[in-house]
Amino acid sequence: MEAMRQSWGDDRLDGFAAETRQRFEDVDRRLGEVNGRLDRLGDRVEVGFDRINDRIDHLHRSIWILGSGALVTLVVGFAGIIIGQ
């Protein structure tokens, strides 16, 4: 009677192990799909940030150009006032 009970337990454990292995393989497959989607999303976000950085760089350059022009205008204006007196 004990031997029969032991084999039933081993078969049951083997079935449980096989089912558990299959479920983990399914989870691994689904996580692989999610990782692939996240990688693609990350690439899109990176491209978006690169575009934003380019726009900020252009804005920064424009501010420097306008600021420099305003400073030169002020210097030339004051120089004209000083020389005109």
PDB file of N, CA and C in Angstrom:
ATOM      1  N   MET A   1       0.823  -1.183   0.000  1.00  0.00           N
ATOM      2  CA  MET A   1       0.000   0.000   0.000  1.00  0.00           C
ATOM      3  C   MET A   1       0.873   1.255   0.000  1.00  0.00           C
ATOM      4  N   GLU A   2       1.939   1.251   0.745  1.00  0.00           N
ATOM      5  CA  GLU A   2       2.840   2.409   0.806  1.00  0.00           C
ATOM      6  C   GLU A   2       3.498   2.660  -0.543  1.00  0.00           C
ATOM      7  N   ALA A   3       3.894   1.603  -1.254  1.00  0.00           N
ATOM      8  CA  ALA A   3       4.540   1.762  -2.552  1.00  0.00           C
ATOM      9  C   ALA A   3       3.569   2.386  -3.550  1.00  0.00           C
ATOM     10  N   MET A   4       2.335   2.007  -3.517  1.00  0.00           N
ATOM     11  CA  MET A   4       1.356   2.569  -4.431  1.00  0.00           C
ATOM     12  C   MET A   4       1.152   4.062  -4.152  1.00  0.00           C
ATOM     13  N   ARG A   5       1.115   4.414  -2.938  1.00  0.00           N
ATOM     14  CA  ARG A   5       0.941   5.799  -2.555  1.00  0.00           C
ATOM     15  C   ARG A   5       2.153   6.623  -2.967  1.00  0.00           C
ATOM     16  N   GLN A   6       3.348   6.068  -2.846  1.00  0.00           N
ATOM     17  CA  GLN A   6       4.577   6.748  -3.224  1.00  0.00           C
ATOM     18  C   GLN A   6       4.593   7.028  -4.724  1.00  0.00           C
ATOM     19  N   SER A   7       4.205   6.038  -5.556  1.00  0.00           N
ATOM     20  CA  SER A   7       4.226   6.246  -7.001  1.00  0.00           C
ATOM     21  C   SER A   7       3.156   7.269  -7.414  1.00  0.00           C
ATOM     22  N   TRP A   8       2.016   7.241  -6.747  1.00  0.00           N
ATOM     23  CA  TRP A   8       0.985   8.231  -7.059  1.00  0.00           C
ATOM     24  C   TRP A   8       1.514   9.622  -6.763  1.00  0.00           C
ATOM     25  N   GLY A   9       2.212   9.798  -5.668  1.00  0.00           N
ATOM     26  CA  GLY A   9       2.781  11.096  -5.296  1.00  0.00           C
ATOM     27  C   GLY A   9       3.840  11.530  -6.289  1.00  0.00           C
ATOM     28  N   ASP A  10       4.682  10.588  -6.743  1.00  0.00           N
ATOM     29  CA  ASP A  10       5.728  10.942  -7.709  1.00  0.00           C
ATOM     30  C   ASP A  10       5.119  11.360  -9.038  1.00  0.00           C
ATOM     31  N   ASP A  11       4.107  10.619  -9.473  1.00  0.00           N
ATOM     32  CA  ASP A  11       3.447  10.987 -10.736  1.00  0.00           C
ATOM     33  C   ASP A  11       2.784  12.349 -10.625  1.00  0.00           C
ATOM     34  N   ARG A  12       2.160  12.556  -9.523  1.00  0.00           N
ATOM     35  CA  ARG A  12       1.483  13.851  -9.307  1.00  0.00           C
ATOM     36  C   ARG A  12       2.502  14.979  -9.275  1.00  0.00           C
ATOM     37  N   LEU A  13       3.618  14.769  -8.594  1.00  0.00           N
ATOM     38  CA  LEU A  13       4.670  15.795  -8.550  1.00  0.00           C
ATOM     39  C   LEU A  13       5.281  16.014  -9.925  1.00  0.00           C
ATOM     40  N   ASP A  14       5.453  14.951 -10.684  1.00  0.00           N
ATOM     41  CA  ASP A  14       5.989  15.095 -12.043  1.00  0.00           C
ATOM     42  C   ASP A  14       5.031  15.923 -12.907  1.00  0.00           C
ATOM     43  N   GLY A  15       3.753  15.662 -12.774  1.00  0.00           N
ATOM     44  CA  GLY A  15       2.759  16.436 -13.517  1.00  0.00           C
ATOM     45  C   GLY A  15       2.768  17.902 -13.100  1.00  0.00           C
ATOM     46  N   PHE A  16       2.871  18.106 -11.797  1.00  0.00           N
ATOM     47  CA  PHE A  16       2.923  19.476 -11.286  1.00  0.00           C
ATOM     48  C   PHE A  16       4.165  20.180 -11.804  1.00  0.00           C
ATOM     49  N   ALA A  17       5.306  19.490 -11.792  1.00  0.00           N
ATOM     50  CA  ALA A  17       6.558  20.095 -12.283  1.00  0.00           C
ATOM     51  C   ALA A  17       6.451  20.442 -13.770  1.00  0.00           C
ATOM     52  N   ALA A  18       5.850  19.564 -14.552  1.00  0.00           N
ATOM     53  CA  ALA A  18       5.698  19.822 -15.988  1.00  0.00           C
ATOM     54  C   ALA A  18       4.773  21.016 -16.219  1.00  0.00           C
ATOM     55  N   GLU A  19       3.671  21.066 -15.485  1.00  0.00           N
ATOM     56  CA  GLU A  19       2.737  22.186 -15.634  1.00  0.00           C
ATOM     57  C   GLU A  19       3.384  23.497 -15.191  1.00  0.00           C
ATOM     58  N   THR A  20       4.122  23.448 -14.091  1.00  0.00           N
ATOM     59  CA  THR A  20       4.808  24.642 -13.606  1.00  0.00           C
ATOM     60  C   THR A  20       5.850  25.120 -14.612  1.00  0.00           C
ATOM     61  N   ARG A  21       6.616  24.192 -15.167  1.00  0.00           N
ATOM     62  CA  ARG A  21       7.622  24.536 -16.179  1.00  0.00           C
ATOM     63  C   ARG A  21       6.957  25.207 -17.379  1.00  0.00           C
ATOM     64  N   GLN A  22       5.827  24.643 -17.832  1.00  0.00           N
ATOM     65  CA  GLN A  22       5.109  25.202 -18.982  1.00  0.00           C
ATOM     66  C   GLN A  22       4.618  26.617 -18.679  1.00  0.00           C
ATOM     67  N   ARG A  23       4.103  26.809 -17.491  1.00  0.00           N
ATOM     68  CA  ARG A  23       3.598  28.138 -17.129  1.00  0.00           C
ATOM     69  C   ARG A  23       4.738  29.160 -17.067  1.00  0.00           C
ATOM     70  N   PHE A  24       5.878  28.767 -16.530  1.00  0.00           N
ATOM     71  CA  PHE A  24       7.017  29.682 -16.511  1.00  0.00           C
ATOM     72  C   PHE A  24       7.509  29.987 -17.918  1.00  0.00           C
ATOM     73  N   GLU A  25       7.469  29.002 -18.802  1.00  0.00           N
ATOM     74  CA  GLU A  25       7.849  29.249 -20.195  1.00  0.00           C
ATOM     75  C   GLU A  25       6.881  30.230 -20.847  1.00  0.00           C
ATOM     76  N   ASP A  26       5.583  30.095 -20.533  1.00  0.00           N
ATOM     77  CA  ASP A  26       4.592  31.047 -21.051  1.00  0.00           C
ATOM     78  C   ASP A  26       4.857  32.457 -20.524  1.00  0.00           C
ATOM     79  N   VAL A  27       5.164  32.554 -19.235  1.00  0.00           N
ATOM     80  CA  VAL A  27       5.463  33.863 -18.639  1.00  0.00           C
ATOM     81  C   VAL A  27       6.718  34.450 -19.281  1.00  0.00           C
ATOM     82  N   ASP A  28       7.754  33.637 -19.463  1.00  0.00           N
ATOM     83  CA  ASP A  28       8.979  34.118 -20.110  1.00  0.00           C
ATOM     84  C   ASP A  28       8.690  34.627 -21.520  1.00  0.00           C
ATOM     85  N   ARG A  29       7.860  33.902 -22.269  1.00  0.00           N
ATOM     86  CA  ARG A  29       7.518  34.314 -23.634  1.00  0.00           C
ATOM     87  C   ARG A  29       6.788  35.652 -23.613  1.00  0.00           C
ATOM     88  N   ARG A  30       5.804  35.778 -22.709  1.00  0.00           N
ATOM     89  CA  ARG A  30       5.049  37.029 -22.638  1.00  0.00           C
ATOM     90  C   ARG A  30       5.932  38.187 -22.191  1.00  0.00           C
ATOM     91  N   LEU A  31       6.825  37.947 -21.235  1.00  0.00           N
ATOM     92  CA  LEU A  31       7.747  39.004 -20.809  1.00  0.00           C
ATOM     93  C   LEU A  31       8.682  39.406 -21.940  1.00  0.00           C
ATOM     94  N   GLY A  32       9.075  38.443 -22.760  1.00  0.00           N
ATOM     95  CA  GLY A  32       9.903  38.754 -23.926  1.00  0.00           C
ATOM     96  C   GLY A  32       9.168  39.668 -24.893  1.00  0.00           C
ATOM     97  N   GLU A  33       7.872  39.408 -25.097  1.00  0.00           N
ATOM     98  CA  GLU A  33       7.063  40.265 -25.964  1.00  0.00           C
ATOM     99  C   GLU A  33       6.943  41.670 -25.378  1.00  0.00           C
ATOM    100  N   VAL A  34       6.717  41.750 -24.073  1.00  0.00           N
ATOM    101  CA  VAL A  34       6.604  43.055 -23.412  1.00  0.00           C
ATOM    102  C   VAL A  34       7.935  43.804 -23.509  1.00  0.00           C
ATOM    103  N   ASN A  35       9.030  43.108 -23.288  1.00  0.00           N
ATOM    104  CA  ASN A  35      10.338  43.760 -23.392  1.00  0.00           C
ATOM    105  C   ASN A  35      10.575  44.298 -24.791  1.00  0.00           C
ATOM    106  N   GLY A  36      10.154  43.549 -25.804  1.00  0.00           N
ATOM    107  CA  GLY A  36      10.289  44.014 -27.179  1.00  0.00           C
ATOM    108  C   GLY A  36       9.493  45.286 -27.416  1.00  0.00           C
ATOM    109  N   ARG A  37       8.268  45.317 -26.894  1.00  0.00           N
ATOM    110  CA  ARG A  37       7.444  46.524 -27.045  1.00  0.00           C
ATOM    111  C   ARG A  37       8.042  47.695 -26.285  1.00  0.00           C
ATOM    112  N   LEU A  38       8.567  47.432 -25.081  1.00  0.00           N
ATOM    113  CA  LEU A  38       9.188  48.504 -24.306  1.00  0.00           C
ATOM    114  C   LEU A  38      10.443  49.031 -24.994  1.00  0.00           C
ATOM    115  N   ASP A  39      11.208  48.138 -25.615  1.00  0.00           N
ATOM    116  CA  ASP A  39      12.398  48.584 -26.352  1.00  0.00           C
ATOM    117  C   ASP A  39      12.003  49.500 -27.503  1.00  0.00           C
ATOM    118  N   ARG A  40      10.961  49.122 -28.244  1.00  0.00           N
ATOM    119  CA  ARG A  40      10.503  49.966 -29.355  1.00  0.00           C
ATOM    120  C   ARG A  40       9.990  51.306 -28.843  1.00  0.00           C
ATOM    121  N   LEU A  41       9.257  51.282 -27.730  1.00  0.00           N
ATOM    122  CA  LEU A  41       8.764  52.524 -27.135  1.00  0.00           C
ATOM    123  C   LEU A  41       9.924  53.383 -26.666  1.00  0.00           C
ATOM    124  N   GLY A  42      10.926  52.750 -26.059  1.00  0.00           N
ATOM    125  CA  GLY A  42      12.105  53.491 -25.607  1.00  0.00           C
ATOM    126  C   GLY A  42      12.826  54.155 -26.767  1.00  0.00           C
ATOM    127  N   ASP A  43      12.891  53.467 -27.909  1.00  0.00           N
ATOM    128  CA  ASP A  43      13.523  54.060 -29.091  1.00  0.00           C
ATOM    129  C   ASP A  43      12.744  55.290 -29.555  1.00  0.00           C
ATOM    130  N   ARG A  44      11.412  55.184 -29.552  1.00  0.00           N
ATOM    131  CA  ARG A  44      10.588  56.323 -29.967  1.00  0.00           C
ATOM    132  C   ARG A  44      10.754  57.494 -29.009  1.00  0.00           C
ATOM    133  N   VAL A  45      10.808  57.222 -27.714  1.00  0.00           N
ATOM    134  CA  VAL A  45      10.981  58.280 -26.721  1.00  0.00           C
ATOM    135  C   VAL A  45      12.347  58.941 -26.899  1.00  0.00           C
ATOM    136  N   GLU A  46      13.364  58.134 -27.160  1.00  0.00           N
ATOM    137  CA  GLU A  46      14.709  58.678 -27.355  1.00  0.00           C
ATOM    138  C   GLU A  46      14.752  59.603 -28.563  1.00  0.00           C
ATOM    139  N   VAL A  47      14.098  59.209 -29.652  1.00  0.00           N
ATOM    140  CA  VAL A  47      14.044  60.061 -30.848  1.00  0.00           C
ATOM    141  C   VAL A  47      13.316  61.363 -30.513  1.00  0.00           C
ATOM    142  N   GLY A  48      12.243  61.266 -29.756  1.00  0.00           N
ATOM    143  CA  GLY A  48      11.500  62.464 -29.350  1.00  0.00           C
ATOM    144  C   GLY A  48      12.352  63.402 -28.519  1.00  0.00           C
ATOM    145  N   PHE A  49      13.101  62.856 -27.575  1.00  0.00           N
ATOM    146  CA  PHE A  49      13.971  63.688 -26.750  1.00  0.00           C
ATOM    147  C   PHE A  49      15.088  64.313 -27.574  1.00  0.00           C
ATOM    148  N   ASP A  50      15.598  63.583 -28.565  1.00  0.00           N
ATOM    149  CA  ASP A  50      16.624  64.153 -29.441  1.00  0.00           C
ATOM    150  C   ASP A  50      16.066  65.350 -30.200  1.00  0.00           C
ATOM    151  N   ARG A  51      14.826  65.231 -30.675  1.00  0.00           N
ATOM    152  CA  ARG A  51      14.205  66.358 -31.385  1.00  0.00           C
ATOM    153  C   ARG A  51      14.007  67.550 -30.458  1.00  0.00           C
ATOM    154  N   ILE A  52      13.574  67.297 -29.223  1.00  0.00           N
ATOM    155  CA  ILE A  52      13.387  68.381 -28.259  1.00  0.00           C
ATOM    156  C   ILE A  52      14.728  69.037 -27.947  1.00  0.00           C
ATOM    157  N   ASN A  53      15.775  68.242 -27.765  1.00  0.00           N
ATOM    158  CA  ASN A  53      17.098  68.797 -27.489  1.00  0.00           C
ATOM    159  C   ASN A  53      17.584  69.661 -28.638  1.00  0.00           C
ATOM    160  N   ASP A  54      17.331  69.237 -29.875  1.00  0.00           N
ATOM    161  CA  ASP A  54      17.718  70.040 -31.034  1.00  0.00           C
ATOM    162  C   ASP A  54      16.987  71.377 -31.038  1.00  0.00           C
ATOM    163  N   ARG A  55      15.705  71.347 -30.725  1.00  0.00           N
ATOM    164  CA  ARG A  55      14.935  72.589 -30.697  1.00  0.00           C
ATOM    165  C   ARG A  55      15.430  73.514 -29.588  1.00  0.00           C
ATOM    166  N   ILE A  56      15.768  72.964 -28.439  1.00  0.00           N
ATOM    167  CA  ILE A  56      16.293  73.785 -27.343  1.00  0.00           C
ATOM    168  C   ILE A  56      17.644  74.382 -27.742  1.00  0.00           C
ATOM    169  N   ASP A  57      18.476  73.598 -28.418  1.00  0.00           N
ATOM    170  CA  ASP A  57      19.764  74.113 -28.881  1.00  0.00           C
ATOM    171  C   ASP A  57      19.577  75.274 -29.856  1.00  0.00           C
ATOM    172  N   HIS A  58      18.628  75.146 -30.779  1.00  0.00           N
ATOM    173  CA  HIS A  58      18.348  76.231 -31.727  1.00  0.00           C
ATOM    174  C   HIS A  58      17.833  77.474 -31.000  1.00  0.00           C
ATOM    175  N   LEU A  59      16.966  77.271 -30.017  1.00  0.00           N
ATOM    176  CA  LEU A  59      16.454  78.395 -29.236  1.00  0.00           C
ATOM    177  C   LEU A  59      17.589  79.079 -28.479  1.00  0.00           C
ATOM    178  N   HIS A  60      18.457  78.280 -27.893  1.00  0.00           N
ATOM    179  CA  HIS A  60      19.604  78.818 -27.158  1.00  0.00           C
ATOM    180  C   HIS A  60      20.488  79.659 -28.080  1.00  0.00           C
ATOM    181  N   ARG A  61      20.749  79.129 -29.275  1.00  0.00           N
ATOM    182  CA  ARG A  61      21.565  79.852 -30.248  1.00  0.00           C
ATOM    183  C   ARG A  61      20.877  81.156 -30.662  1.00  0.00           C
ATOM    184  N   SER A  62      19.570  81.133 -30.865  1.00  0.00           N
ATOM    185  CA  SER A  62      18.831  82.340 -31.258  1.00  0.00           C
ATOM    186  C   SER A  62      18.869  83.393 -30.165  1.00  0.00           C
ATOM    187  N   ILE A  63      18.736  82.958 -28.924  1.00  0.00           N
ATOM    188  CA  ILE A  63      18.798  83.902 -27.805  1.00  0.00           C
ATOM    189  C   ILE A  63      20.169  84.565 -27.750  1.00  0.00           C
ATOM    190  N   TRP A  64      21.231  83.780 -27.947  1.00  0.00           N
ATOM    191  CA  TRP A  64      22.584  84.353 -27.939  1.00  0.00           C
ATOM    192  C   TRP A  64      22.763  85.351 -29.076  1.00  0.00           C
ATOM    193  N   ILE A  65      22.256  85.028 -30.250  1.00  0.00           N
ATOM    194  CA  ILE A  65      22.395  85.933 -31.403  1.00  0.00           C
ATOM    195  C   ILE A  65      21.631  87.229 -31.156  1.00  0.00           C
ATOM    196  N   LEU A  66      20.382  87.127 -30.690  1.00  0.00           N
ATOM    197  CA  LEU A  66      19.589  88.325 -30.414  1.00  0.00           C
ATOM    198  C   LEU A  66      20.195  89.151 -29.279  1.00  0.00           C
ATOM    199  N   GLY A  67      20.658  88.482 -28.232  1.00  0.00           N
ATOM    200  CA  GLY A  67      21.282  89.187 -27.110  1.00  0.00           C
ATOM    201  C   GLY A  67      22.554  89.897 -27.536  1.00  0.00           C
ATOM    202  N   SER A  68      23.353  89.235 -28.345  1.00  0.00           N
ATOM    203  CA  SER A  68      24.589  89.854 -28.836  1.00  0.00           C
ATOM    204  C   SER A  68      24.275  91.052 -29.722  1.00  0.00           C
ATOM    205  N   GLY A  69      23.274  90.922 -30.569  1.00  0.00           N
ATOM    206  CA  GLY A  69      22.867  92.042 -31.427  1.00  0.00           C
ATOM    207  C   GLY A  69      22.387  93.220 -30.608  1.00  0.00           C
ATOM    208  N   ALA A  70      21.611  92.939 -29.568  1.00  0.00           N
ATOM    209  CA  ALA A  70      21.125  94.021 -28.706  1.00  0.00           C
ATOM    210  C   ALA A  70      22.285  94.694 -27.979  1.00  0.00           C
ATOM    211  N   LEU A  71      23.240  93.918 -27.522  1.00  0.00           N
ATOM    212  CA  LEU A  71      24.394  94.484 -26.825  1.00  0.00           C
ATOM    213  C   LEU A  71      25.225  95.347 -27.766  1.00  0.00           C
ATOM    214  N   VAL A  72      25.459  94.870 -28.973  1.00  0.00           N
ATOM    215  CA  VAL A  72      26.217  95.655 -29.952  1.00  0.00           C
ATOM    216  C   VAL A  72      25.478  96.950 -30.270  1.00  0.00           C
ATOM    217  N   THR A  73      24.166  96.886 -30.405  1.00  0.00           N
ATOM    218  CA  THR A  73      23.370  98.083 -30.685  1.00  0.00           C
ATOM    219  C   THR A  73      23.499  99.099 -29.556  1.00  0.00           C
ATOM    220  N   LEU A  74      23.443  98.621 -28.306  1.00  0.00           N
ATOM    221  CA  LEU A  74      23.592  99.526 -27.163  1.00  0.00           C
ATOM    222  C   LEU A  74      24.979 100.156 -27.131  1.00  0.00           C
ATOM    223  N   VAL A  75      26.004  99.367 -27.371  1.00  0.00           N
ATOM    224  CA  VAL A  75      27.372  99.887 -27.340  1.00  0.00           C
ATOM    225  C   VAL A  75      27.561 100.934 -28.436  1.00  0.00           C
ATOM    226  N   VAL A  76      27.092 100.626 -29.644  1.00  0.00           N
ATOM    227  CA  VAL A  76      27.220 101.577 -30.758  1.00  0.00           C
ATOM    228  C   VAL A  76      26.398 102.841 -30.466  1.00  0.00           C
ATOM    229  N   GLY A  77      25.220 102.685 -29.890  1.00  0.00           N
ATOM    230  CA  GLY A  77      24.377 103.838 -29.544  1.00  0.00           C
ATOM    231  C   GLY A  77      25.033 104.728 -28.526  1.00  0.00           C
ATOM    232  N   PHE A  78      25.578 104.112 -27.464  1.00  0.00           N
ATOM    233  CA  PHE A  78      26.258 104.933 -26.441  1.00  0.00           C
ATOM    234  C   PHE A  78      27.524 105.558 -26.997  1.00  0.00           C
ATOM    235  N   ALA A  79      28.235 104.829 -27.842  1.00  0.00           N
ATOM    236  CA  ALA A  79      29.424 105.404 -28.461  1.00  0.00           C
ATOM    237  C   ALA A  79      29.056 106.592 -29.344  1.00  0.00           C
ATOM    238  N   GLY A  80      27.952 106.476 -30.059  1.00  0.00           N
ATOM    239  CA  GLY A  80      27.496 107.599 -30.875  1.00  0.00           C
ATOM    240  C   GLY A  80      27.112 108.801 -30.046  1.00  0.00           C
ATOM    241  N   ILE A  81      26.459 108.538 -28.909  1.00  0.00           N
ATOM    242  CA  ILE A  81      26.086 109.638 -28.008  1.00  0.00           C
ATOM    243  C   ILE A  81      27.337 110.307 -27.462  1.00  0.00           C
ATOM    244  N   ILE A  82      28.303 109.513 -27.026  1.00  0.00           N
ATOM    245  CA  ILE A  82      29.531 110.064 -26.434  1.00  0.00           C
ATOM    246  C   ILE A  82      30.301 110.854 -27.486  1.00  0.00           C
ATOM    247  N   ILE A  83      30.451 110.312 -28.675  1.00  0.00           N
ATOM    248  CA  ILE A  83      31.209 110.981 -29.720  1.00  0.00           C
ATOM    249  C   ILE A  83      30.468 112.233 -30.198  1.00  0.00           C
ATOM    250  N   GLY A  84      29.170 112.218 -30.205  1.00  0.00           N
ATOM    251  CA  GLY A  84      28.362 113.363 -30.682  1.00  0.00           C
ATOM    252  C   GLY A  84      28.374 114.534 -29.743  1.00  0.00           C
ATOM    253  N   GLN A  85      28.781 114.351 -28.535  1.00  0.00           N
ATOM    254  CA  GLN A  85      28.746 115.470 -27.605  1.00  0.00           C
ATOM    255  C   GLN A  85      29.954 116.269 -27.757  1.00  0.00           C
TER     256      GLN A  85
END
